[in-house]
């Protein structure tokens, strides 16, 4: 215990560095992802870099907080009940409590203005709406505030917006989607995951900004720097087209991974190596996801 205390007192100590050295996946974090250009969607790059408070939090910590959070929690200590992130469910209101008490008020998250916190809460609220939408569509359920959504669906939010470490993304992805036979195949949970990483980066931000932007945006707004002509283009894009693009891109990834009949299965090592191939490695970067979205916008001759 004394050695641990001395280590923590050292001003140069980094838990992230120590975790990297202990992990057999730590070399993955040295992979340099291509510098995917942002063209049409560059207007909301600040969403990743400055706005989303999750970039202060490691994905592993986010998943621990999410796993320990129970339906109906008010933000206090964990109840101590056994939890399973693959099967436990929460409502949208539970998610909002989780975001406010476990993320926005987390002591490791940098303090921001009340206005920025309110914007962040609204963004998390909109993310929950979209996750609920695609989960309900997938399972042919009615959409209402009491609809319970599996916690595993919210892994996509951390995957997109937590502090970017490829090693943690891969480790947790393999852990969540490996089946009882120790293989990874095209499950409903994995299909929903690929839907949501496109929705979280495209549908939610664009529709969120469409509500926030306009000619009357006050000077103090965090979105004031977005030019009016860009804002006008955002508000004109058809919501159904956005949904169609999200569905098409997710189905394209699933088809490329698992084949036309979605019958291919991988070992954990095979799946890891496949995702790190140039054909799929872009999923680990929001810029890479935006690149695929922009390619589809260009193909459809849609300008934002």
Protein backbone atom coordinates (compact mmCIF):
# COMPACT_ATOMS: atom_id res chain seq x y z
CA UNK A 1 0.00 0.00 0.00
CA UNK A 2 2.88 2.34 0.81
CA UNK A 3 4.32 1.88 -2.67
CA UNK A 4 0.97 2.73 -4.22
CA UNK A 5 0.66 5.89 -2.15
CA UNK A 6 4.17 7.01 -3.10
CA UNK A 7 3.35 6.37 -6.75
CA UNK A 8 0.20 8.47 -6.59
CA UNK A 9 2.07 11.31 -4.89
CA UNK A 10 4.55 11.49 -7.76
CA UNK A 11 3.54 14.51 -9.91
CA UNK A 12 4.71 12.65 -13.03
CA UNK A 13 2.53 9.60 -12.35
CA UNK A 14 0.06 8.73 -15.11
CA UNK A 15 -2.53 6.02 -14.60
CA UNK A 16 -3.15 5.98 -18.34
CA UNK A 17 0.53 5.27 -19.03
CA UNK A 18 0.67 2.49 -16.43
CA UNK A 19 -2.46 0.88 -17.86
CA UNK A 20 -0.93 1.00 -21.33
CA UNK A 21 2.23 -0.82 -20.19
CA UNK A 22 0.20 -3.53 -18.47
CA UNK A 23 -2.08 -4.12 -21.46
CA UNK A 24 -1.08 -6.45 -24.31
CA UNK A 25 -3.02 -4.06 -26.55
CA UNK A 26 -1.06 -0.94 -25.57
CA UNK A 27 0.90 -0.82 -28.83
CA UNK A 28 -2.37 -0.24 -30.67
CA UNK A 29 -2.43 3.30 -29.29
CA UNK A 30 0.68 4.10 -31.30
CA UNK A 31 -1.20 3.39 -34.56
CA UNK A 32 -1.47 6.62 -36.51
CA UNK A 33 -4.87 6.86 -38.13
CA UNK A 34 -5.03 8.58 -41.53
CA UNK A 35 -5.76 12.30 -41.38
CA UNK A 36 -9.21 12.07 -42.90
CA UNK A 37 -10.17 15.43 -44.42
CA UNK A 38 -13.30 17.18 -43.21
CA UNK A 39 -15.09 19.16 -45.88
CA UNK A 40 -18.86 19.40 -45.68
CA UNK A 41 -19.04 18.38 -42.02
CA UNK A 42 -16.14 20.44 -40.67
CA UNK A 43 -18.56 23.05 -39.32
CA UNK A 44 -19.13 21.02 -36.16
CA UNK A 45 -15.60 19.75 -35.46
CA UNK A 46 -15.71 21.69 -32.17
CA UNK A 47 -18.31 19.19 -31.00
CA UNK A 48 -15.58 16.55 -30.66
CA UNK A 49 -12.73 18.79 -29.54
CA UNK A 50 -14.34 21.27 -27.15
CA UNK A 51 -18.00 20.64 -26.57
CA UNK A 52 -18.47 17.02 -25.52
CA UNK A 53 -17.38 16.58 -21.89
CA UNK A 54 -16.84 12.85 -22.45
CA UNK A 55 -13.47 13.56 -24.02
CA UNK A 56 -12.21 14.12 -20.44
CA UNK A 57 -13.04 10.52 -19.55
CA UNK A 58 -11.41 7.23 -20.55
CA UNK A 59 -13.73 4.75 -22.24
CA UNK A 60 -12.92 2.14 -19.58
CA UNK A 61 -14.00 4.56 -16.83
CA UNK A 62 -17.16 5.51 -18.73
CA UNK A 63 -18.09 1.84 -19.10
CA UNK A 64 -17.46 1.20 -15.39
CA UNK A 65 -19.69 4.13 -14.45
CA UNK A 66 -22.38 2.95 -16.87
CA UNK A 67 -22.21 -0.65 -15.69
CA UNK A 68 -22.51 0.38 -12.02
CA UNK A 69 -25.40 2.75 -12.67
CA UNK A 70 -28.78 1.18 -11.93
CA UNK A 71 -32.22 2.00 -13.24
CA UNK A 72 -33.71 4.59 -10.92
CA UNK A 73 -30.36 5.66 -9.42
CA UNK A 74 -30.35 9.25 -8.21
CA UNK A 75 -26.61 9.61 -8.62
CA UNK A 76 -25.54 8.25 -5.27
CA UNK A 77 -23.42 5.25 -4.46
CA UNK A 78 -23.88 1.96 -6.27
CA UNK A 79 -26.46 -0.36 -4.76
CA UNK A 80 -24.02 -3.26 -4.80
CA UNK A 81 -26.39 -5.47 -6.81
CA UNK A 82 -24.89 -7.64 -9.52
CA UNK A 83 -25.03 -5.79 -12.84
CA UNK A 84 -24.65 -6.96 -16.42
CA UNK A 85 -24.21 -4.28 -19.03
CA UNK A 86 -25.30 -6.68 -21.77
CA UNK A 87 -28.72 -7.32 -20.25
CA UNK A 88 -29.47 -4.45 -17.86
CA UNK A 89 -31.78 -1.76 -19.23
CA UNK A 90 -32.40 1.91 -18.50
CA UNK A 91 -34.92 4.49 -19.70
CA UNK A 92 -34.15 7.83 -21.27
CA UNK A 93 -34.74 9.55 -17.92
CA UNK A 94 -32.25 7.18 -16.27
CA UNK A 95 -29.72 8.09 -18.96
CA UNK A 96 -30.25 11.80 -18.30
CA UNK A 97 -29.57 11.26 -14.56
CA UNK A 98 -26.47 9.24 -15.41
CA UNK A 99 -25.12 11.98 -17.69
CA UNK A 100 -25.72 14.76 -15.21
CA UNK A 101 -24.52 13.02 -12.04
CA UNK A 102 -21.82 10.68 -13.34
CA UNK A 103 -20.44 12.62 -16.32
CA UNK A 104 -21.13 16.36 -16.23
CA UNK A 105 -20.61 16.61 -12.45
CA UNK A 106 -17.70 14.17 -12.44
CA UNK A 107 -14.74 15.80 -10.63
CA UNK A 108 -12.31 14.90 -13.44
CA UNK A 109 -14.39 16.80 -16.01
CA UNK A 110 -13.26 20.37 -16.53
CA UNK A 111 -15.67 22.95 -15.18
CA UNK A 112 -17.72 24.86 -17.73
CA UNK A 113 -20.33 27.60 -17.76
CA UNK A 114 -23.95 26.89 -16.91
CA UNK A 115 -24.91 27.64 -20.52
CA UNK A 116 -22.42 25.09 -21.83
CA UNK A 117 -23.61 22.50 -19.33
CA UNK A 118 -27.19 23.05 -20.46
CA UNK A 119 -26.13 22.63 -24.09
CA UNK A 120 -24.35 19.42 -23.16
CA UNK A 121 -27.41 18.08 -21.33
CA UNK A 122 -29.55 18.82 -24.39
CA UNK A 123 -27.08 17.03 -26.65
CA UNK A 124 -27.09 13.94 -24.39
CA UNK A 125 -30.89 14.14 -24.36
CA UNK A 126 -30.94 14.15 -28.18
CA UNK A 127 -28.51 11.23 -28.31
CA UNK A 128 -30.88 9.23 -26.10
CA UNK A 129 -33.77 10.08 -28.42
CA UNK A 130 -31.88 8.74 -31.41
CA UNK A 131 -30.66 5.61 -29.61
CA UNK A 132 -34.24 4.96 -28.52
CA UNK A 133 -35.47 5.53 -32.09
CA UNK A 134 -33.13 3.00 -33.69
CA UNK A 135 -33.57 0.47 -30.89
CA UNK A 136 -37.36 0.72 -31.21
CA UNK A 137 -37.22 0.43 -35.01
CA UNK A 138 -34.95 -2.59 -34.80
CA UNK A 139 -37.22 -4.35 -32.31
CA UNK A 140 -40.57 -3.05 -33.66
CA UNK A 141 -41.40 -1.30 -30.38
CA UNK A 142 -43.44 1.81 -29.62
CA UNK A 143 -41.38 4.87 -28.74
CA UNK A 144 -42.20 6.38 -25.36
CA UNK A 145 -40.36 7.80 -22.36
CA UNK A 146 -40.65 4.55 -20.41
CA UNK A 147 -39.10 2.38 -23.12
CA UNK A 148 -36.21 0.47 -21.55
CA UNK A 149 -33.02 0.36 -23.62
CA UNK A 150 -30.15 -2.08 -23.01
CA UNK A 151 -27.13 -0.35 -21.49
CA UNK A 152 -24.93 -1.95 -24.15
CA UNK A 153 -26.52 0.43 -26.70
CA UNK A 154 -24.90 3.38 -24.89
CA UNK A 155 -21.42 1.91 -25.43
CA UNK A 156 -21.57 3.65 -28.82
CA UNK A 157 -21.64 7.09 -27.13
CA UNK A 158 -18.40 6.42 -25.27
CA UNK A 159 -16.88 4.84 -28.38
CA UNK A 160 -17.50 8.06 -30.32
CA UNK A 161 -16.85 10.71 -27.70
CA UNK A 162 -14.62 9.45 -24.86
CA UNK A 163 -10.89 10.16 -24.78
CA UNK A 164 -9.67 8.41 -27.98
CA UNK A 165 -7.67 5.26 -27.17
CA UNK A 166 -7.86 2.57 -29.85
CA UNK A 167 -6.73 -0.11 -27.40
CA UNK A 168 -9.70 0.48 -25.08
CA UNK A 169 -12.15 0.65 -27.96
CA UNK A 170 -10.98 -2.74 -29.24
CA UNK A 171 -10.75 -4.46 -25.84
CA UNK A 172 -14.25 -3.40 -24.80
CA UNK A 173 -15.76 -4.05 -28.22
CA UNK A 174 -14.36 -7.61 -28.20
CA UNK A 175 -15.55 -8.17 -24.64
CA UNK A 176 -19.10 -6.96 -25.31
CA UNK A 177 -19.76 -8.76 -28.58
CA UNK A 178 -18.05 -12.13 -28.10
CA UNK A 179 -20.71 -14.82 -27.80
CA UNK A 180 -20.85 -17.91 -25.58
CA UNK A 181 -18.91 -19.87 -28.20
CA UNK A 182 -16.06 -17.35 -27.97
CA UNK A 183 -16.82 -16.04 -31.46
CA UNK A 184 -18.07 -12.75 -32.87
CA UNK A 185 -20.93 -12.93 -35.34
CA UNK A 186 -23.63 -10.56 -36.56
CA UNK A 187 -25.81 -10.15 -33.48
CA UNK A 188 -28.60 -7.60 -33.02
CA UNK A 189 -26.45 -5.77 -30.46
CA UNK A 190 -23.51 -5.45 -32.85
CA UNK A 191 -25.75 -4.32 -35.72
CA UNK A 192 -27.25 -1.63 -33.45
CA UNK A 193 -23.75 -0.56 -32.41
CA UNK A 194 -22.76 0.16 -36.01
CA UNK A 195 -26.01 2.04 -36.59
CA UNK A 196 -25.37 4.22 -33.56
CA UNK A 197 -21.74 5.17 -34.23
CA UNK A 198 -23.01 6.79 -37.46
CA UNK A 199 -26.08 8.30 -35.81
CA UNK A 200 -24.09 9.74 -32.88
CA UNK A 201 -21.63 11.48 -35.22
CA UNK A 202 -24.04 12.55 -37.97
CA UNK A 203 -27.75 12.44 -37.23
CA UNK A 204 -27.68 13.69 -33.63
CA UNK A 205 -25.23 16.62 -34.10
CA UNK A 206 -26.81 17.85 -37.34
CA UNK A 207 -30.38 17.78 -36.01
CA UNK A 208 -29.21 19.23 -32.68
CA UNK A 209 -27.49 22.15 -34.42
CA UNK A 210 -30.47 22.66 -36.71
CA UNK A 211 -32.45 23.55 -33.57
CA UNK A 212 -29.71 25.72 -32.05
CA UNK A 213 -28.62 27.75 -35.08
CA UNK A 214 -30.24 30.61 -36.91
CA UNK A 215 -29.95 34.34 -37.62
CA UNK A 216 -30.68 35.22 -33.98
CA UNK A 217 -27.87 33.19 -32.38
CA UNK A 218 -26.50 35.44 -29.59
CA UNK A 219 -22.84 36.47 -29.64
CA UNK A 220 -22.14 34.54 -26.44
CA UNK A 221 -23.46 31.27 -27.90
CA UNK A 222 -20.84 28.54 -28.28
CA UNK A 223 -22.17 28.06 -31.83
CA UNK A 224 -21.87 31.72 -32.85
CA UNK A 225 -18.71 30.99 -34.84
CA UNK A 226 -20.65 28.79 -37.31
CA UNK A 227 -21.36 30.96 -40.34
CA UNK A 228 -24.99 31.73 -41.14
CA UNK A 229 -24.84 30.20 -44.61
CA UNK A 230 -23.62 26.92 -43.09
CA UNK A 231 -26.42 27.02 -40.54
CA UNK A 232 -29.00 27.52 -43.27
CA UNK A 233 -27.73 24.48 -45.16
CA UNK A 234 -27.91 22.38 -42.01
CA UNK A 235 -31.53 23.25 -41.30
CA UNK A 236 -32.61 22.33 -44.84
CA UNK A 237 -31.35 18.74 -44.86
CA UNK A 238 -34.14 16.19 -44.81
CA UNK A 239 -34.30 14.14 -41.61
CA UNK A 240 -35.44 11.05 -43.51
CA UNK A 241 -32.41 11.31 -45.80
CA UNK A 242 -30.15 11.44 -42.74
CA UNK A 243 -31.80 8.32 -41.32
CA UNK A 244 -31.51 6.55 -44.68
CA UNK A 245 -27.78 7.33 -44.90
CA UNK A 246 -27.16 6.07 -41.35
CA UNK A 247 -28.97 2.81 -42.09
CA UNK A 248 -27.22 2.32 -45.44
CA UNK A 249 -23.72 2.92 -44.07
CA UNK A 250 -24.27 0.59 -41.10
CA UNK A 251 -25.60 -2.14 -43.38
CA UNK A 252 -22.57 -1.65 -45.63
CA UNK A 253 -20.17 -2.26 -42.73
CA UNK A 254 -22.14 -5.31 -41.58
CA UNK A 255 -22.20 -6.71 -45.11
CA UNK A 256 -18.46 -6.21 -45.60
CA UNK A 257 -17.70 -7.81 -42.23
CA UNK A 258 -20.09 -10.76 -42.22
CA UNK A 259 -20.99 -11.35 -45.86
CA UNK A 260 -24.20 -11.04 -47.81
CA UNK A 261 -25.96 -13.64 -45.65
CA UNK A 262 -24.36 -12.29 -42.45
CA UNK A 263 -23.17 -15.82 -41.66
CA UNK A 264 -19.43 -15.26 -41.18
CA UNK A 265 -18.03 -15.63 -37.65
CA UNK A 266 -14.66 -14.55 -36.26
CA UNK A 267 -12.41 -15.48 -33.39
CA UNK A 268 -11.53 -12.51 -31.19
CA UNK A 269 -8.06 -12.25 -32.75
CA UNK A 270 -9.46 -12.47 -36.28
CA UNK A 271 -12.03 -9.78 -35.57
CA UNK A 272 -9.42 -7.48 -34.03
CA UNK A 273 -7.10 -7.88 -37.04
CA UNK A 274 -9.98 -7.34 -39.47
CA UNK A 275 -11.04 -4.09 -37.79
CA UNK A 276 -7.45 -2.82 -37.93
CA UNK A 277 -7.29 -3.42 -41.68
CA UNK A 278 -7.40 -0.29 -43.85
CA UNK A 279 -10.88 -1.28 -44.96
CA UNK A 280 -12.33 -0.80 -41.46
CA UNK A 281 -9.84 1.12 -39.29
CA UNK A 282 -11.66 4.40 -40.01
CA UNK A 283 -14.40 3.40 -37.54
CA UNK A 284 -12.03 4.27 -34.69
CA UNK A 285 -12.02 7.95 -35.64
CA UNK A 286 -14.99 10.31 -35.80
CA UNK A 287 -13.22 11.98 -38.71
CA UNK A 288 -13.12 8.62 -40.47
CA UNK A 289 -16.85 8.13 -39.86
CA UNK A 290 -17.53 11.63 -41.19
CA UNK A 291 -15.42 10.79 -44.25
CA UNK A 292 -17.74 7.85 -45.07
CA UNK A 293 -20.78 10.06 -44.53
CA UNK A 294 -19.34 12.74 -46.83
CA UNK A 295 -18.64 10.13 -49.51
CA UNK A 296 -22.31 9.16 -49.42
CA UNK A 297 -23.46 12.79 -49.45
CA UNK A 298 -21.30 13.37 -52.52
CA UNK A 299 -22.62 10.23 -54.21
CA UNK A 300 -26.17 11.49 -53.69
CA UNK A 301 -25.21 15.01 -54.78
CA UNK A 302 -26.33 16.38 -51.42
CA UNK A 303 -24.55 19.47 -50.16
CA UNK A 304 -24.56 20.59 -46.57
